[in-house]
Amino acid sequence: MTERKPFSVRLKVRHYELDTLGHVNHAVYHSYAEVARLELLEQAGGLGDGLRAARLASVMLESHISFRRELRAGDVIDVTCEVKFGEGKTFRMDSNIYKADGTLSAEITCTLGLMDLDRRKLVAEPRARLDAAGVDTAALCGS
């Protein structure tokens, strides 16, 4: 069995994203991961009307980042996103940020839930609820 390649989006580091030390500000790494998460969700149909009609929305519960190598203005980066469903009310969307030469720059682990917008509570079995709302969870997970 071959390992699938994770979803990835290519970005370029902009000058305005730098801090006073001349490398990417720590908060911008989270923005890069958010771009990859939203692009993947859009590709799987998760940004359409299905979730709104079901009165559901994904919510970020936790985010952790490990910085490995600095990024500087003009660097071209690839930001991956992998979705992992398990048991319970949460799921993960993890990202790695690589320089164009393959050097790992950062690892970001995010825990999310699917919120019932009327009850303001997380729902059980988020993968099944996403499927019911028309989101292609197989595309999210690459399976």
N, C-alpha and C. Protein backbone atom coordinates (compact mmCIF):
# COMPACT_ATOMS: atom_id res chain seq x y z
N MET A 1 0.84 -1.18 0.00
CA MET A 1 0.00 0.00 0.00
C MET A 1 0.89 1.25 0.00
N THR A 2 0.58 2.20 -0.85
CA THR A 2 1.37 3.42 -0.93
C THR A 2 0.78 4.48 -0.03
N GLU A 3 1.65 5.25 0.56
CA GLU A 3 1.20 6.34 1.43
C GLU A 3 0.77 7.51 0.56
N ARG A 4 -0.38 8.06 0.89
CA ARG A 4 -0.88 9.18 0.08
C ARG A 4 -0.14 10.46 0.44
N LYS A 5 -0.04 11.33 -0.53
CA LYS A 5 0.58 12.63 -0.31
C LYS A 5 -0.46 13.57 0.28
N PRO A 6 -0.13 14.31 1.35
CA PRO A 6 -1.13 15.19 1.96
C PRO A 6 -1.48 16.37 1.05
N PHE A 7 -2.67 16.91 1.27
CA PHE A 7 -3.08 18.12 0.57
C PHE A 7 -2.04 19.20 0.84
N SER A 8 -1.76 20.02 -0.16
CA SER A 8 -0.74 21.05 -0.01
C SER A 8 -1.09 22.28 -0.84
N VAL A 9 -0.72 23.43 -0.33
CA VAL A 9 -0.90 24.68 -1.05
C VAL A 9 0.43 25.42 -1.02
N ARG A 10 0.78 26.05 -2.13
CA ARG A 10 2.05 26.79 -2.24
C ARG A 10 1.78 28.28 -2.01
N LEU A 11 2.62 28.90 -1.18
CA LEU A 11 2.51 30.32 -0.85
C LEU A 11 3.88 30.96 -0.93
N LYS A 12 3.88 32.28 -0.97
CA LYS A 12 5.14 33.04 -0.94
C LYS A 12 5.11 33.95 0.27
N VAL A 13 6.22 33.98 1.01
CA VAL A 13 6.35 34.85 2.18
C VAL A 13 6.45 36.29 1.71
N ARG A 14 5.61 37.14 2.28
CA ARG A 14 5.56 38.56 1.93
C ARG A 14 6.34 39.39 2.95
N HIS A 15 6.86 40.52 2.51
CA HIS A 15 7.66 41.38 3.39
C HIS A 15 6.90 41.84 4.62
N TYR A 16 5.62 42.14 4.46
CA TYR A 16 4.84 42.65 5.59
C TYR A 16 4.55 41.58 6.64
N GLU A 17 4.91 40.32 6.38
CA GLU A 17 4.69 39.24 7.35
C GLU A 17 5.88 39.05 8.29
N LEU A 18 6.91 39.88 8.13
CA LEU A 18 8.13 39.74 8.92
C LEU A 18 8.05 40.49 10.24
N ASP A 19 8.84 40.02 11.20
CA ASP A 19 8.94 40.73 12.47
C ASP A 19 10.23 41.56 12.47
N THR A 20 10.57 42.15 13.59
CA THR A 20 11.74 43.03 13.67
C THR A 20 13.06 42.29 13.47
N LEU A 21 13.06 40.97 13.60
CA LEU A 21 14.27 40.18 13.38
C LEU A 21 14.46 39.80 11.91
N GLY A 22 13.48 40.12 11.08
CA GLY A 22 13.59 39.84 9.65
C GLY A 22 13.10 38.48 9.23
N HIS A 23 12.46 37.76 10.15
CA HIS A 23 11.85 36.49 9.74
C HIS A 23 10.35 36.54 10.03
N VAL A 24 9.63 35.53 9.53
CA VAL A 24 8.17 35.53 9.63
C VAL A 24 7.73 35.60 11.08
N ASN A 25 6.79 36.50 11.36
CA ASN A 25 6.21 36.63 12.69
C ASN A 25 5.51 35.34 13.07
N HIS A 26 5.62 34.97 14.33
CA HIS A 26 5.08 33.70 14.81
C HIS A 26 3.60 33.51 14.48
N ALA A 27 2.79 34.55 14.58
CA ALA A 27 1.36 34.43 14.33
C ALA A 27 1.05 34.15 12.86
N VAL A 28 1.94 34.54 11.97
CA VAL A 28 1.71 34.35 10.54
C VAL A 28 1.75 32.87 10.17
N TYR A 29 2.57 32.08 10.88
CA TYR A 29 2.61 30.64 10.63
C TYR A 29 1.20 30.05 10.78
N HIS A 30 0.47 30.51 11.80
CA HIS A 30 -0.90 30.03 12.00
C HIS A 30 -1.80 30.44 10.83
N SER A 31 -1.56 31.63 10.29
CA SER A 31 -2.34 32.08 9.12
C SER A 31 -2.06 31.19 7.91
N TYR A 32 -0.81 30.82 7.73
CA TYR A 32 -0.47 29.92 6.62
C TYR A 32 -1.23 28.60 6.75
N ALA A 33 -1.26 28.05 7.95
CA ALA A 33 -1.99 26.79 8.17
C ALA A 33 -3.48 26.99 7.94
N GLU A 34 -4.01 28.14 8.31
CA GLU A 34 -5.43 28.43 8.09
C GLU A 34 -5.75 28.47 6.60
N VAL A 35 -4.86 29.01 5.80
CA VAL A 35 -5.05 29.03 4.35
C VAL A 35 -5.18 27.59 3.84
N ALA A 36 -4.28 26.71 4.28
CA ALA A 36 -4.32 25.31 3.83
C ALA A 36 -5.61 24.63 4.31
N ARG A 37 -6.01 24.86 5.55
CA ARG A 37 -7.25 24.25 6.07
C ARG A 37 -8.46 24.70 5.26
N LEU A 38 -8.55 25.99 4.99
CA LEU A 38 -9.70 26.51 4.25
C LEU A 38 -9.70 26.04 2.79
N GLU A 39 -8.54 25.98 2.17
CA GLU A 39 -8.45 25.48 0.80
C GLU A 39 -8.91 24.02 0.73
N LEU A 40 -8.48 23.21 1.69
CA LEU A 40 -8.89 21.81 1.72
C LEU A 40 -10.40 21.69 1.98
N LEU A 41 -10.91 22.47 2.93
CA LEU A 41 -12.35 22.44 3.20
C LEU A 41 -13.15 22.87 1.98
N GLU A 42 -12.68 23.89 1.29
CA GLU A 42 -13.38 24.34 0.08
C GLU A 42 -13.40 23.24 -0.98
N GLN A 43 -12.26 22.59 -1.18
CA GLN A 43 -12.15 21.51 -2.16
C GLN A 43 -13.12 20.37 -1.83
N ALA A 44 -13.36 20.12 -0.54
CA ALA A 44 -14.25 19.03 -0.11
C ALA A 44 -15.70 19.47 0.01
N GLY A 45 -15.99 20.72 -0.33
CA GLY A 45 -17.37 21.20 -0.25
C GLY A 45 -17.78 21.69 1.12
N GLY A 46 -16.82 21.93 1.98
CA GLY A 46 -17.12 22.32 3.36
C GLY A 46 -17.36 23.80 3.56
N LEU A 47 -17.25 24.60 2.52
CA LEU A 47 -17.50 26.03 2.67
C LEU A 47 -18.77 26.45 1.94
N GLY A 48 -19.52 25.47 1.48
CA GLY A 48 -20.77 25.77 0.76
C GLY A 48 -21.93 25.94 1.70
N ASP A 49 -23.12 25.78 1.15
CA ASP A 49 -24.35 26.02 1.90
C ASP A 49 -24.75 24.86 2.81
N GLY A 50 -24.19 23.68 2.61
CA GLY A 50 -24.59 22.50 3.39
C GLY A 50 -24.42 22.67 4.89
N LEU A 51 -23.27 23.16 5.31
CA LEU A 51 -23.05 23.36 6.75
C LEU A 51 -23.94 24.47 7.29
N ARG A 52 -24.09 25.54 6.52
CA ARG A 52 -24.96 26.64 6.98
C ARG A 52 -26.40 26.15 7.14
N ALA A 53 -26.88 25.38 6.18
CA ALA A 53 -28.24 24.86 6.24
C ALA A 53 -28.42 23.92 7.43
N ALA A 54 -27.37 23.17 7.76
CA ALA A 54 -27.43 22.26 8.90
C ALA A 54 -27.17 22.98 10.22
N ARG A 55 -26.90 24.28 10.15
CA ARG A 55 -26.61 25.10 11.33
C ARG A 55 -25.40 24.56 12.09
N LEU A 56 -24.35 24.25 11.32
CA LEU A 56 -23.11 23.72 11.88
C LEU A 56 -21.93 24.57 11.40
N ALA A 57 -20.88 24.62 12.21
CA ALA A 57 -19.65 25.31 11.82
C ALA A 57 -18.48 24.66 12.55
N SER A 58 -17.35 24.58 11.87
CA SER A 58 -16.16 24.06 12.54
C SER A 58 -15.58 25.17 13.42
N VAL A 59 -15.07 24.75 14.57
CA VAL A 59 -14.47 25.70 15.52
C VAL A 59 -13.12 25.17 15.97
N MET A 60 -12.17 26.08 16.08
CA MET A 60 -10.83 25.75 16.55
C MET A 60 -10.86 25.67 18.08
N LEU A 61 -10.37 24.56 18.61
CA LEU A 61 -10.34 24.36 20.06
C LEU A 61 -8.93 24.48 20.62
N GLU A 62 -7.96 24.10 19.82
CA GLU A 62 -6.58 24.13 20.30
C GLU A 62 -5.64 24.15 19.10
N SER A 63 -4.53 24.86 19.25
CA SER A 63 -3.52 24.91 18.21
C SER A 63 -2.14 24.91 18.87
N HIS A 64 -1.26 24.08 18.37
CA HIS A 64 0.10 24.00 18.90
C HIS A 64 1.07 24.05 17.73
N ILE A 65 2.13 24.83 17.89
CA ILE A 65 3.12 24.96 16.81
C ILE A 65 4.52 24.68 17.34
N SER A 66 5.29 23.98 16.53
CA SER A 66 6.72 23.78 16.79
C SER A 66 7.48 24.40 15.64
N PHE A 67 8.32 25.38 15.95
CA PHE A 67 9.11 26.07 14.94
C PHE A 67 10.40 25.29 14.72
N ARG A 68 10.75 25.04 13.47
CA ARG A 68 11.94 24.25 13.14
C ARG A 68 13.01 25.09 12.43
N ARG A 69 12.62 25.87 11.42
CA ARG A 69 13.54 26.71 10.67
C ARG A 69 12.84 28.01 10.34
N GLU A 70 13.60 29.09 10.34
CA GLU A 70 13.00 30.39 10.06
C GLU A 70 12.61 30.51 8.59
N LEU A 71 11.63 31.36 8.37
CA LEU A 71 11.22 31.74 7.02
C LEU A 71 11.50 33.22 6.85
N ARG A 72 11.91 33.60 5.65
CA ARG A 72 12.25 34.99 5.36
C ARG A 72 11.50 35.45 4.11
N ALA A 73 11.49 36.75 3.90
CA ALA A 73 10.79 37.34 2.76
C ALA A 73 11.24 36.70 1.46
N GLY A 74 10.27 36.39 0.62
CA GLY A 74 10.55 35.81 -0.67
C GLY A 74 10.60 34.29 -0.68
N ASP A 75 10.70 33.66 0.50
CA ASP A 75 10.70 32.20 0.53
C ASP A 75 9.40 31.67 -0.05
N VAL A 76 9.50 30.63 -0.84
CA VAL A 76 8.34 29.92 -1.35
C VAL A 76 8.14 28.72 -0.44
N ILE A 77 6.89 28.54 0.01
CA ILE A 77 6.62 27.47 0.98
C ILE A 77 5.45 26.60 0.51
N ASP A 78 5.48 25.38 0.97
CA ASP A 78 4.37 24.45 0.77
C ASP A 78 3.78 24.16 2.15
N VAL A 79 2.46 24.37 2.27
CA VAL A 79 1.77 24.15 3.53
C VAL A 79 0.82 22.99 3.35
N THR A 80 1.04 21.92 4.11
CA THR A 80 0.21 20.74 4.01
C THR A 80 -0.96 20.81 4.99
N CYS A 81 -1.94 19.97 4.78
CA CYS A 81 -3.05 19.83 5.72
C CYS A 81 -3.54 18.40 5.66
N GLU A 82 -3.59 17.76 6.81
CA GLU A 82 -4.10 16.40 6.92
C GLU A 82 -5.18 16.37 7.99
N VAL A 83 -6.31 15.74 7.66
CA VAL A 83 -7.44 15.63 8.58
C VAL A 83 -7.44 14.24 9.17
N LYS A 84 -7.66 14.18 10.48
CA LYS A 84 -7.70 12.90 11.18
C LYS A 84 -8.92 12.87 12.09
N PHE A 85 -9.86 12.00 11.74
CA PHE A 85 -11.04 11.80 12.57
C PHE A 85 -10.79 10.62 13.50
N GLY A 86 -11.36 10.70 14.68
CA GLY A 86 -11.27 9.60 15.64
C GLY A 86 -12.61 9.47 16.34
N GLU A 87 -12.56 9.08 17.58
CA GLU A 87 -13.77 8.94 18.38
C GLU A 87 -14.06 10.27 19.08
N GLY A 88 -15.30 10.47 19.46
CA GLY A 88 -15.66 11.65 20.24
C GLY A 88 -16.07 12.84 19.38
N LYS A 89 -15.99 14.02 19.98
CA LYS A 89 -16.51 15.23 19.37
C LYS A 89 -15.47 16.06 18.64
N THR A 90 -14.23 15.64 18.65
CA THR A 90 -13.18 16.46 18.04
C THR A 90 -12.50 15.71 16.89
N PHE A 91 -11.79 16.48 16.08
CA PHE A 91 -10.96 15.93 15.03
C PHE A 91 -9.75 16.83 14.88
N ARG A 92 -8.76 16.37 14.13
CA ARG A 92 -7.53 17.15 13.96
C ARG A 92 -7.34 17.55 12.51
N MET A 93 -6.73 18.71 12.36
CA MET A 93 -6.27 19.18 11.06
C MET A 93 -4.84 19.66 11.28
N ASP A 94 -3.89 18.84 10.85
CA ASP A 94 -2.48 19.11 11.10
C ASP A 94 -1.79 19.61 9.85
N SER A 95 -0.87 20.54 10.03
CA SER A 95 -0.14 21.14 8.92
C SER A 95 1.35 21.11 9.16
N ASN A 96 2.09 20.94 8.09
CA ASN A 96 3.53 21.14 8.09
C ASN A 96 3.83 22.23 7.08
N ILE A 97 4.80 23.06 7.41
CA ILE A 97 5.22 24.11 6.50
C ILE A 97 6.64 23.79 6.06
N TYR A 98 6.81 23.64 4.75
CA TYR A 98 8.11 23.30 4.17
C TYR A 98 8.60 24.42 3.28
N LYS A 99 9.90 24.68 3.34
CA LYS A 99 10.51 25.54 2.34
C LYS A 99 10.50 24.78 1.02
N ALA A 100 10.64 25.50 -0.09
CA ALA A 100 10.58 24.87 -1.41
C ALA A 100 11.63 23.77 -1.58
N ASP A 101 12.73 23.85 -0.84
CA ASP A 101 13.77 22.82 -0.94
C ASP A 101 13.46 21.59 -0.08
N GLY A 102 12.29 21.59 0.59
CA GLY A 102 11.88 20.44 1.41
C GLY A 102 12.22 20.56 2.89
N THR A 103 12.90 21.63 3.29
CA THR A 103 13.24 21.82 4.70
C THR A 103 11.98 22.10 5.51
N LEU A 104 11.79 21.34 6.58
CA LEU A 104 10.64 21.55 7.46
C LEU A 104 10.84 22.82 8.27
N SER A 105 9.90 23.73 8.17
CA SER A 105 9.98 25.01 8.87
C SER A 105 9.13 25.03 10.14
N ALA A 106 7.97 24.38 10.10
CA ALA A 106 7.09 24.37 11.27
C ALA A 106 6.11 23.20 11.18
N GLU A 107 5.69 22.74 12.36
CA GLU A 107 4.66 21.71 12.48
C GLU A 107 3.54 22.30 13.33
N ILE A 108 2.31 22.20 12.84
CA ILE A 108 1.17 22.78 13.53
C ILE A 108 0.10 21.70 13.70
N THR A 109 -0.31 21.50 14.94
CA THR A 109 -1.35 20.53 15.26
C THR A 109 -2.56 21.29 15.78
N CYS A 110 -3.72 21.08 15.16
CA CYS A 110 -4.95 21.77 15.54
C CYS A 110 -6.04 20.77 15.89
N THR A 111 -6.73 21.04 16.98
CA THR A 111 -7.89 20.26 17.37
C THR A 111 -9.12 21.11 17.10
N LEU A 112 -10.07 20.53 16.37
CA LEU A 112 -11.30 21.23 16.02
C LEU A 112 -12.51 20.42 16.45
N GLY A 113 -13.64 21.10 16.48
CA GLY A 113 -14.91 20.45 16.71
C GLY A 113 -15.92 21.01 15.75
N LEU A 114 -17.06 20.38 15.69
CA LEU A 114 -18.16 20.85 14.85
C LEU A 114 -19.26 21.33 15.79
N MET A 115 -19.57 22.62 15.70
CA MET A 115 -20.50 23.23 16.65
C MET A 115 -21.91 23.33 16.07
N ASP A 116 -22.88 22.97 16.87
CA ASP A 116 -24.29 23.22 16.59
C ASP A 116 -24.50 24.70 16.89
N LEU A 117 -24.81 25.49 15.87
CA LEU A 117 -24.88 26.94 16.04
C LEU A 117 -26.09 27.40 16.84
N ASP A 118 -27.12 26.56 16.97
CA ASP A 118 -28.28 26.93 17.78
C ASP A 118 -28.04 26.62 19.26
N ARG A 119 -27.48 25.45 19.53
CA ARG A 119 -27.23 25.03 20.92
C ARG A 119 -25.91 25.56 21.46
N ARG A 120 -25.01 25.97 20.56
CA ARG A 120 -23.66 26.45 20.91
C ARG A 120 -22.87 25.38 21.65
N LYS A 121 -23.04 24.16 21.18
CA LYS A 121 -22.36 22.99 21.75
C LYS A 121 -21.75 22.17 20.62
N LEU A 122 -20.68 21.44 20.94
CA LEU A 122 -20.09 20.54 19.97
C LEU A 122 -21.01 19.36 19.74
N VAL A 123 -21.03 18.87 18.51
CA VAL A 123 -21.84 17.70 18.18
C VAL A 123 -20.98 16.45 18.22
N ALA A 124 -21.63 15.33 18.49
CA ALA A 124 -20.94 14.03 18.45
C ALA A 124 -20.75 13.62 17.00
N GLU A 125 -19.80 12.75 16.77
CA GLU A 125 -19.52 12.18 15.46
C GLU A 125 -19.42 13.23 14.35
N PRO A 126 -18.44 14.12 14.45
CA PRO A 126 -18.33 15.20 13.46
C PRO A 126 -18.19 14.70 12.02
N ARG A 127 -17.50 13.58 11.81
CA ARG A 127 -17.34 13.09 10.44
C ARG A 127 -18.70 12.74 9.83
N ALA A 128 -19.53 12.05 10.58
CA ALA A 128 -20.86 11.68 10.09
C ALA A 128 -21.72 12.92 9.84
N ARG A 129 -21.59 13.91 10.71
CA ARG A 129 -22.38 15.14 10.54
C ARG A 129 -21.91 15.94 9.33
N LEU A 130 -20.59 15.95 9.10
CA LEU A 130 -20.06 16.61 7.90
C LEU A 130 -20.55 15.89 6.64
N ASP A 131 -20.50 14.56 6.66
CA ASP A 131 -21.02 13.79 5.52
C ASP A 131 -22.47 14.13 5.25
N ALA A 132 -23.28 14.16 6.31
CA ALA A 132 -24.72 14.45 6.16
C ALA A 132 -24.97 15.85 5.60
N ALA A 133 -24.04 16.77 5.85
CA ALA A 133 -24.17 18.14 5.36
C ALA A 133 -23.61 18.30 3.96
N GLY A 134 -23.16 17.21 3.36
CA GLY A 134 -22.68 17.25 1.98
C GLY A 134 -21.20 17.49 1.82
N VAL A 135 -20.45 17.43 2.92
CA VAL A 135 -18.99 17.58 2.82
C VAL A 135 -18.38 16.23 2.45
N ASP A 136 -17.47 16.22 1.52
CA ASP A 136 -16.80 15.00 1.07
C ASP A 136 -15.66 14.69 2.04
N THR A 137 -15.98 13.97 3.12
CA THR A 137 -14.95 13.68 4.14
C THR A 137 -13.89 12.73 3.61
N ALA A 138 -14.23 11.92 2.61
CA ALA A 138 -13.20 11.07 2.00
C ALA A 138 -12.14 11.94 1.35
N ALA A 139 -12.55 13.06 0.72
CA ALA A 139 -11.59 13.99 0.13
C ALA A 139 -10.78 14.69 1.21
N LEU A 140 -11.43 14.99 2.33
CA LEU A 140 -10.71 15.62 3.45
C LEU A 140 -9.59 14.71 3.94
N CYS A 141 -9.89 13.44 4.04
CA CYS A 141 -8.95 12.48 4.60
C CYS A 141 -8.06 11.82 3.56
N GLY A 142 -8.34 12.09 2.30
CA GLY A 142 -7.55 11.48 1.26
C GLY A 142 -7.85 10.00 1.06
N SER A 143 -9.04 9.57 1.52
CA SER A 143 -9.39 8.14 1.36
C SER A 143 -10.74 8.00 0.69
